[in-house]
Amino acid sequence: MVFDRDGIHLTSEGSKIVVKEILNILKEADWEPCLHWKSLPNEFGEDSPYDPLGPDEKTLNVSSVTFLETMEYD
């Protein structure tokens, strides 16, 4: 393992161990992982002072705008 300015770099053997452990955890998990964009939670849902104002002069939280859900990306 090498420590560098941009993170940890594993050897090929170290990467194999990490992949093996991740796959074991996913196999043992009691849930079905889903990375579909509509099912991912919003990490930054709180209002921000940088959010624009809506027509009613209230903060329009751009993280809750749903215009993308009307488009077909699947």
PDB file of N, CA and C in Angstrom:
ATOM      1  N   MET A   1       0.853  -1.174   0.000  1.00  0.00           N
ATOM      2  CA  MET A   1       0.000   0.000   0.000  1.00  0.00           C
ATOM      3  C   MET A   1       0.896   1.234   0.000  1.00  0.00           C
ATOM      4  N   VAL A   2       0.541   2.195  -0.832  1.00  0.00           N
ATOM      5  CA  VAL A   2       1.317   3.423  -0.953  1.00  0.00           C
ATOM      6  C   VAL A   2       0.409   4.598  -0.603  1.00  0.00           C
ATOM      7  N   PHE A   3       0.869   5.471   0.266  1.00  0.00           N
ATOM      8  CA  PHE A   3       0.112   6.673   0.606  1.00  0.00           C
ATOM      9  C   PHE A   3       0.624   7.801  -0.277  1.00  0.00           C
ATOM     10  N   ASP A   4      -0.282   8.416  -0.975  1.00  0.00           N
ATOM     11  CA  ASP A   4       0.087   9.486  -1.879  1.00  0.00           C
ATOM     12  C   ASP A   4      -0.780  10.696  -1.570  1.00  0.00           C
ATOM     13  N   ARG A   5      -0.554  11.775  -2.232  1.00  0.00           N
ATOM     14  CA  ARG A   5      -1.319  12.995  -1.970  1.00  0.00           C
ATOM     15  C   ARG A   5      -2.790  12.858  -2.340  1.00  0.00           C
ATOM     16  N   ASP A   6      -3.105  12.000  -3.296  1.00  0.00           N
ATOM     17  CA  ASP A   6      -4.490  11.906  -3.760  1.00  0.00           C
ATOM     18  C   ASP A   6      -5.213  10.666  -3.221  1.00  0.00           C
ATOM     19  N   GLY A   7      -4.727  10.055  -2.174  1.00  0.00           N
ATOM     20  CA  GLY A   7      -5.425   8.926  -1.577  1.00  0.00           C
ATOM     21  C   GLY A   7      -4.524   7.727  -1.376  1.00  0.00           C
ATOM     22  N   ILE A   8      -5.125   6.573  -1.245  1.00  0.00           N
ATOM     23  CA  ILE A   8      -4.391   5.332  -1.029  1.00  0.00           C
ATOM     24  C   ILE A   8      -4.381   4.550  -2.334  1.00  0.00           C
ATOM     25  N   HIS A   9      -3.235   4.078  -2.727  1.00  0.00           N
ATOM     26  CA  HIS A   9      -3.093   3.267  -3.930  1.00  0.00           C
ATOM     27  C   HIS A   9      -2.767   1.850  -3.496  1.00  0.00           C
ATOM     28  N   LEU A  10      -3.612   0.892  -3.862  1.00  0.00           N
ATOM     29  CA  LEU A  10      -3.394  -0.491  -3.494  1.00  0.00           C
ATOM     30  C   LEU A  10      -2.625  -1.215  -4.585  1.00  0.00           C
ATOM     31  N   THR A  11      -1.893  -2.239  -4.167  1.00  0.00           N
ATOM     32  CA  THR A  11      -1.259  -3.107  -5.152  1.00  0.00           C
ATOM     33  C   THR A  11      -2.348  -3.927  -5.820  1.00  0.00           C
ATOM     34  N   SER A  12      -2.018  -4.650  -6.864  1.00  0.00           N
ATOM     35  CA  SER A  12      -3.029  -5.478  -7.535  1.00  0.00           C
ATOM     36  C   SER A  12      -3.573  -6.524  -6.563  1.00  0.00           C
ATOM     37  N   GLU A  13      -2.713  -7.056  -5.703  1.00  0.00           N
ATOM     38  CA  GLU A  13      -3.172  -8.039  -4.705  1.00  0.00           C
ATOM     39  C   GLU A  13      -4.117  -7.366  -3.696  1.00  0.00           C
ATOM     40  N   GLY A  14      -3.792  -6.167  -3.276  1.00  0.00           N
ATOM     41  CA  GLY A  14      -4.652  -5.436  -2.348  1.00  0.00           C
ATOM     42  C   GLY A  14      -6.006  -5.132  -2.967  1.00  0.00           C
ATOM     43  N   SER A  15      -6.017  -4.754  -4.232  1.00  0.00           N
ATOM     44  CA  SER A  15      -7.285  -4.489  -4.924  1.00  0.00           C
ATOM     45  C   SER A  15      -8.135  -5.744  -5.018  1.00  0.00           C
ATOM     46  N   LYS A  16      -7.509  -6.889  -5.264  1.00  0.00           N
ATOM     47  CA  LYS A  16      -8.248  -8.156  -5.319  1.00  0.00           C
ATOM     48  C   LYS A  16      -8.900  -8.475  -3.980  1.00  0.00           C
ATOM     49  N   ILE A  17      -8.188  -8.211  -2.893  1.00  0.00           N
ATOM     50  CA  ILE A  17      -8.738  -8.464  -1.559  1.00  0.00           C
ATOM     51  C   ILE A  17      -9.933  -7.561  -1.299  1.00  0.00           C
ATOM     52  N   VAL A  18      -9.810  -6.281  -1.646  1.00  0.00           N
ATOM     53  CA  VAL A  18     -10.913  -5.334  -1.433  1.00  0.00           C
ATOM     54  C   VAL A  18     -12.141  -5.749  -2.247  1.00  0.00           C
ATOM     55  N   VAL A  19     -11.957  -6.105  -3.510  1.00  0.00           N
ATOM     56  CA  VAL A  19     -13.074  -6.532  -4.360  1.00  0.00           C
ATOM     57  C   VAL A  19     -13.721  -7.777  -3.783  1.00  0.00           C
ATOM     58  N   LYS A  20     -12.919  -8.729  -3.326  1.00  0.00           N
ATOM     59  CA  LYS A  20     -13.451  -9.963  -2.745  1.00  0.00           C
ATOM     60  C   LYS A  20     -14.316  -9.662  -1.516  1.00  0.00           C
ATOM     61  N   GLU A  21     -13.852  -8.772  -0.653  1.00  0.00           N
ATOM     62  CA  GLU A  21     -14.613  -8.419   0.548  1.00  0.00           C
ATOM     63  C   GLU A  21     -15.906  -7.687   0.202  1.00  0.00           C
ATOM     64  N   ILE A  22     -15.853  -6.789  -0.746  1.00  0.00           N
ATOM     65  CA  ILE A  22     -17.065  -6.064  -1.156  1.00  0.00           C
ATOM     66  C   ILE A  22     -18.086  -7.037  -1.734  1.00  0.00           C
ATOM     67  N   LEU A  23     -17.645  -7.958  -2.579  1.00  0.00           N
ATOM     68  CA  LEU A  23     -18.568  -8.936  -3.159  1.00  0.00           C
ATOM     69  C   LEU A  23     -19.164  -9.844  -2.093  1.00  0.00           C
ATOM     70  N   ASN A  24     -18.368 -10.223  -1.087  1.00  0.00           N
ATOM     71  CA  ASN A  24     -18.896 -11.034   0.018  1.00  0.00           C
ATOM     72  C   ASN A  24     -19.985 -10.287   0.778  1.00  0.00           C
ATOM     73  N   ILE A  25     -19.757  -9.026   1.044  1.00  0.00           N
ATOM     74  CA  ILE A  25     -20.751  -8.226   1.775  1.00  0.00           C
ATOM     75  C   ILE A  25     -22.027  -8.091   0.955  1.00  0.00           C
ATOM     76  N   LEU A  26     -21.906  -7.856  -0.345  1.00  0.00           N
ATOM     77  CA  LEU A  26     -23.095  -7.733  -1.190  1.00  0.00           C
ATOM     78  C   LEU A  26     -23.864  -9.048  -1.275  1.00  0.00           C
ATOM     79  N   LYS A  27     -23.157 -10.166  -1.307  1.00  0.00           N
ATOM     80  CA  LYS A  27     -23.829 -11.471  -1.349  1.00  0.00           C
ATOM     81  C   LYS A  27     -24.585 -11.752  -0.063  1.00  0.00           C
ATOM     82  N   GLU A  28     -24.037 -11.321   1.077  1.00  0.00           N
ATOM     83  CA  GLU A  28     -24.648 -11.578   2.379  1.00  0.00           C
ATOM     84  C   GLU A  28     -25.706 -10.542   2.755  1.00  0.00           C
ATOM     85  N   ALA A  29     -25.818  -9.486   1.988  1.00  0.00           N
ATOM     86  CA  ALA A  29     -26.740  -8.393   2.329  1.00  0.00           C
ATOM     87  C   ALA A  29     -28.187  -8.861   2.280  1.00  0.00           C
ATOM     88  N   ASP A  30     -28.985  -8.281   3.162  1.00  0.00           N
ATOM     89  CA  ASP A  30     -30.405  -8.617   3.253  1.00  0.00           C
ATOM     90  C   ASP A  30     -31.240  -7.593   2.481  1.00  0.00           C
ATOM     91  N   TRP A  31     -30.725  -7.099   1.379  1.00  0.00           N
ATOM     92  CA  TRP A  31     -31.411  -6.110   0.553  1.00  0.00           C
ATOM     93  C   TRP A  31     -30.907  -6.236  -0.869  1.00  0.00           C
ATOM     94  N   GLU A  32     -31.676  -5.701  -1.778  1.00  0.00           N
ATOM     95  CA  GLU A  32     -31.300  -5.691  -3.183  1.00  0.00           C
ATOM     96  C   GLU A  32     -30.752  -4.307  -3.521  1.00  0.00           C
ATOM     97  N   PRO A  33     -29.467  -4.200  -3.828  1.00  0.00           N
ATOM     98  CA  PRO A  33     -28.923  -2.887  -4.175  1.00  0.00           C
ATOM     99  C   PRO A  33     -29.503  -2.380  -5.493  1.00  0.00           C
ATOM    100  N   CYS A  34     -29.786  -1.093  -5.535  1.00  0.00           N
ATOM    101  CA  CYS A  34     -30.316  -0.493  -6.754  1.00  0.00           C
ATOM    102  C   CYS A  34     -29.682   0.882  -6.921  1.00  0.00           C
ATOM    103  N   LEU A  35     -29.013   1.083  -8.027  1.00  0.00           N
ATOM    104  CA  LEU A  35     -28.383   2.373  -8.305  1.00  0.00           C
ATOM    105  C   LEU A  35     -29.132   3.137  -9.383  1.00  0.00           C
ATOM    106  N   HIS A  36     -30.398   2.789  -9.596  1.00  0.00           N
ATOM    107  CA  HIS A  36     -31.196   3.528 -10.558  1.00  0.00           C
ATOM    108  C   HIS A  36     -31.314   4.963 -10.075  1.00  0.00           C
ATOM    109  N   TRP A  37     -31.180   5.914 -10.955  1.00  0.00           N
ATOM    110  CA  TRP A  37     -31.104   7.320 -10.552  1.00  0.00           C
ATOM    111  C   TRP A  37     -32.339   7.812  -9.824  1.00  0.00           C
ATOM    112  N   LYS A  38     -33.494   7.229 -10.085  1.00  0.00           N
ATOM    113  CA  LYS A  38     -34.712   7.669  -9.395  1.00  0.00           C
ATOM    114  C   LYS A  38     -34.797   7.132  -7.969  1.00  0.00           C
ATOM    115  N   SER A  39     -34.071   6.074  -7.655  1.00  0.00           N
ATOM    116  CA  SER A  39     -34.173   5.471  -6.328  1.00  0.00           C
ATOM    117  C   SER A  39     -33.110   5.983  -5.360  1.00  0.00           C
ATOM    118  N   LEU A  40     -32.137   6.764  -5.841  1.00  0.00           N
ATOM    119  CA  LEU A  40     -31.079   7.257  -4.966  1.00  0.00           C
ATOM    120  C   LEU A  40     -31.595   8.418  -4.112  1.00  0.00           C
ATOM    121  N   PRO A  41     -31.211   8.450  -2.827  1.00  0.00           N
ATOM    122  CA  PRO A  41     -31.657   9.545  -1.966  1.00  0.00           C
ATOM    123  C   PRO A  41     -30.949  10.849  -2.321  1.00  0.00           C
ATOM    124  N   ASN A  42     -31.580  11.934  -1.980  1.00  0.00           N
ATOM    125  CA  ASN A  42     -31.006  13.248  -2.197  1.00  0.00           C
ATOM    126  C   ASN A  42     -30.128  13.582  -0.997  1.00  0.00           C
ATOM    127  N   GLU A  43     -28.832  13.706  -1.217  1.00  0.00           N
ATOM    128  CA  GLU A  43     -27.905  13.944  -0.116  1.00  0.00           C
ATOM    129  C   GLU A  43     -27.912  15.390   0.366  1.00  0.00           C
ATOM    130  N   PHE A  44     -28.268  16.311  -0.492  1.00  0.00           N
ATOM    131  CA  PHE A  44     -28.203  17.725  -0.137  1.00  0.00           C
ATOM    132  C   PHE A  44     -29.571  18.367  -0.322  1.00  0.00           C
ATOM    133  N   GLY A  45     -30.559  17.859   0.374  1.00  0.00           N
ATOM    134  CA  GLY A  45     -31.921  18.325   0.223  1.00  0.00           C
ATOM    135  C   GLY A  45     -32.262  19.576   1.000  1.00  0.00           C
ATOM    136  N   GLU A  46     -31.366  20.010   1.888  1.00  0.00           N
ATOM    137  CA  GLU A  46     -31.682  21.192   2.694  1.00  0.00           C
ATOM    138  C   GLU A  46     -31.609  22.456   1.851  1.00  0.00           C
ATOM    139  N   ASP A  47     -32.327  23.482   2.289  1.00  0.00           N
ATOM    140  CA  ASP A  47     -32.311  24.758   1.584  1.00  0.00           C
ATOM    141  C   ASP A  47     -30.918  25.377   1.672  1.00  0.00           C
ATOM    142  N   SER A  48     -30.573  26.122   0.657  1.00  0.00           N
ATOM    143  CA  SER A  48     -29.276  26.775   0.591  1.00  0.00           C
ATOM    144  C   SER A  48     -29.492  28.262   0.318  1.00  0.00           C
ATOM    145  N   PRO A  49     -28.626  29.103   0.842  1.00  0.00           N
ATOM    146  CA  PRO A  49     -28.751  30.529   0.521  1.00  0.00           C
ATOM    147  C   PRO A  49     -28.500  30.810  -0.958  1.00  0.00           C
ATOM    148  N   TYR A  50     -27.996  29.828  -1.696  1.00  0.00           N
ATOM    149  CA  TYR A  50     -27.719  29.999  -3.121  1.00  0.00           C
ATOM    150  C   TYR A  50     -28.879  29.536  -3.997  1.00  0.00           C
ATOM    151  N   ASP A  51     -29.920  28.953  -3.380  1.00  0.00           N
ATOM    152  CA  ASP A  51     -31.100  28.553  -4.147  1.00  0.00           C
ATOM    153  C   ASP A  51     -31.821  29.798  -4.646  1.00  0.00           C
ATOM    154  N   PRO A  52     -32.376  29.761  -5.854  1.00  0.00           N
ATOM    155  CA  PRO A  52     -33.093  30.929  -6.380  1.00  0.00           C
ATOM    156  C   PRO A  52     -34.448  31.100  -5.698  1.00  0.00           C
ATOM    157  N   LEU A  53     -35.022  32.264  -5.881  1.00  0.00           N
ATOM    158  CA  LEU A  53     -36.357  32.530  -5.359  1.00  0.00           C
ATOM    159  C   LEU A  53     -37.385  32.132  -6.410  1.00  0.00           C
ATOM    160  N   GLY A  54     -38.470  31.530  -5.945  1.00  0.00           N
ATOM    161  CA  GLY A  54     -39.551  31.139  -6.834  1.00  0.00           C
ATOM    162  C   GLY A  54     -40.481  32.299  -7.102  1.00  0.00           C
ATOM    163  N   PRO A  55     -41.548  32.071  -7.878  1.00  0.00           N
ATOM    164  CA  PRO A  55     -42.496  33.141  -8.204  1.00  0.00           C
ATOM    165  C   PRO A  55     -43.185  33.727  -6.972  1.00  0.00           C
ATOM    166  N   ASP A  56     -43.286  32.928  -5.905  1.00  0.00           N
ATOM    167  CA  ASP A  56     -43.936  33.412  -4.676  1.00  0.00           C
ATOM    168  C   ASP A  56     -42.938  34.052  -3.713  1.00  0.00           C
ATOM    169  N   GLU A  57     -41.723  34.348  -4.202  1.00  0.00           N
ATOM    170  CA  GLU A  57     -40.650  34.968  -3.422  1.00  0.00           C
ATOM    171  C   GLU A  57     -40.128  34.071  -2.304  1.00  0.00           C
ATOM    172  N   LYS A  58     -40.440  32.780  -2.343  1.00  0.00           N
ATOM    173  CA  LYS A  58     -39.891  31.829  -1.378  1.00  0.00           C
ATOM    174  C   LYS A  58     -38.737  31.087  -2.052  1.00  0.00           C
ATOM    175  N   THR A  59     -37.833  30.559  -1.227  1.00  0.00           N
ATOM    176  CA  THR A  59     -36.684  29.827  -1.761  1.00  0.00           C
ATOM    177  C   THR A  59     -37.151  28.613  -2.540  1.00  0.00           C
ATOM    178  N   LEU A  60     -36.637  28.466  -3.743  1.00  0.00           N
ATOM    179  CA  LEU A  60     -36.947  27.311  -4.577  1.00  0.00           C
ATOM    180  C   LEU A  60     -35.774  26.346  -4.462  1.00  0.00           C
ATOM    181  N   ASN A  61     -35.961  25.279  -3.699  1.00  0.00           N
ATOM    182  CA  ASN A  61     -34.899  24.306  -3.488  1.00  0.00           C
ATOM    183  C   ASN A  61     -34.704  23.516  -4.782  1.00  0.00           C
ATOM    184  N   VAL A  62     -33.600  23.755  -5.470  1.00  0.00           N
ATOM    185  CA  VAL A  62     -33.382  23.132  -6.769  1.00  0.00           C
ATOM    186  C   VAL A  62     -33.197  21.626  -6.679  1.00  0.00           C
ATOM    187  N   SER A  63     -32.873  21.117  -5.498  1.00  0.00           N
ATOM    188  CA  SER A  63     -32.719  19.672  -5.361  1.00  0.00           C
ATOM    189  C   SER A  63     -34.064  18.951  -5.368  1.00  0.00           C
ATOM    190  N   SER A  64     -35.152  19.697  -5.213  1.00  0.00           N
ATOM    191  CA  SER A  64     -36.468  19.063  -5.214  1.00  0.00           C
ATOM    192  C   SER A  64     -37.216  19.273  -6.535  1.00  0.00           C
ATOM    193  N   VAL A  65     -36.574  19.931  -7.500  1.00  0.00           N
ATOM    194  CA  VAL A  65     -37.198  20.135  -8.809  1.00  0.00           C
ATOM    195  C   VAL A  65     -37.264  18.793  -9.524  1.00  0.00           C
ATOM    196  N   THR A  66     -38.421  18.470 -10.078  1.00  0.00           N
ATOM    197  CA  THR A  66     -38.618  17.146 -10.655  1.00  0.00           C
ATOM    198  C   THR A  66     -38.718  17.151 -12.176  1.00  0.00           C
ATOM    199  N   PHE A  67     -38.180  18.168 -12.847  1.00  0.00           N
ATOM    200  CA  PHE A  67     -38.319  18.216 -14.298  1.00  0.00           C
ATOM    201  C   PHE A  67     -37.622  17.044 -14.978  1.00  0.00           C
ATOM    202  N   LEU A  68     -36.579  16.498 -14.377  1.00  0.00           N
ATOM    203  CA  LEU A  68     -35.883  15.372 -15.001  1.00  0.00           C
ATOM    204  C   LEU A  68     -36.719  14.103 -14.999  1.00  0.00           C
ATOM    205  N   GLU A  69     -37.619  13.966 -14.032  1.00  0.00           N
ATOM    206  CA  GLU A  69     -38.417  12.751 -13.941  1.00  0.00           C
ATOM    207  C   GLU A  69     -39.421  12.636 -15.069  1.00  0.00           C
ATOM    208  N   THR A  70     -39.684  13.748 -15.750  1.00  0.00           N
ATOM    209  CA  THR A  70     -40.616  13.683 -16.878  1.00  0.00           C
ATOM    210  C   THR A  70     -39.919  13.267 -18.160  1.00  0.00           C
ATOM    211  N   MET A  71     -38.606  13.251 -18.149  1.00  0.00           N
ATOM    212  CA  MET A  71     -37.847  12.850 -19.333  1.00  0.00           C
ATOM    213  C   MET A  71     -37.510  11.366 -19.232  1.00  0.00           C
ATOM    214  N   GLU A  72     -37.405  10.709 -20.356  1.00  0.00           N
ATOM    215  CA  GLU A  72     -37.087   9.282 -20.377  1.00  0.00           C
ATOM    216  C   GLU A  72     -35.570   9.079 -20.446  1.00  0.00           C
ATOM    217  N   TYR A  73     -34.982   8.548 -19.375  1.00  0.00           N
ATOM    218  CA  TYR A  73     -33.564   8.242 -19.343  1.00  0.00           C
ATOM    219  C   TYR A  73     -33.316   6.745 -19.200  1.00  0.00           C
ATOM    220  N   ASP A  74     -34.368   5.962 -19.051  1.00  0.00           N
ATOM    221  CA  ASP A  74     -34.191   4.541 -18.771  1.00  0.00           C
ATOM    222  C   ASP A  74     -33.833   3.753 -19.993  1.00  0.00           C
TER     223      ASP A  74
END
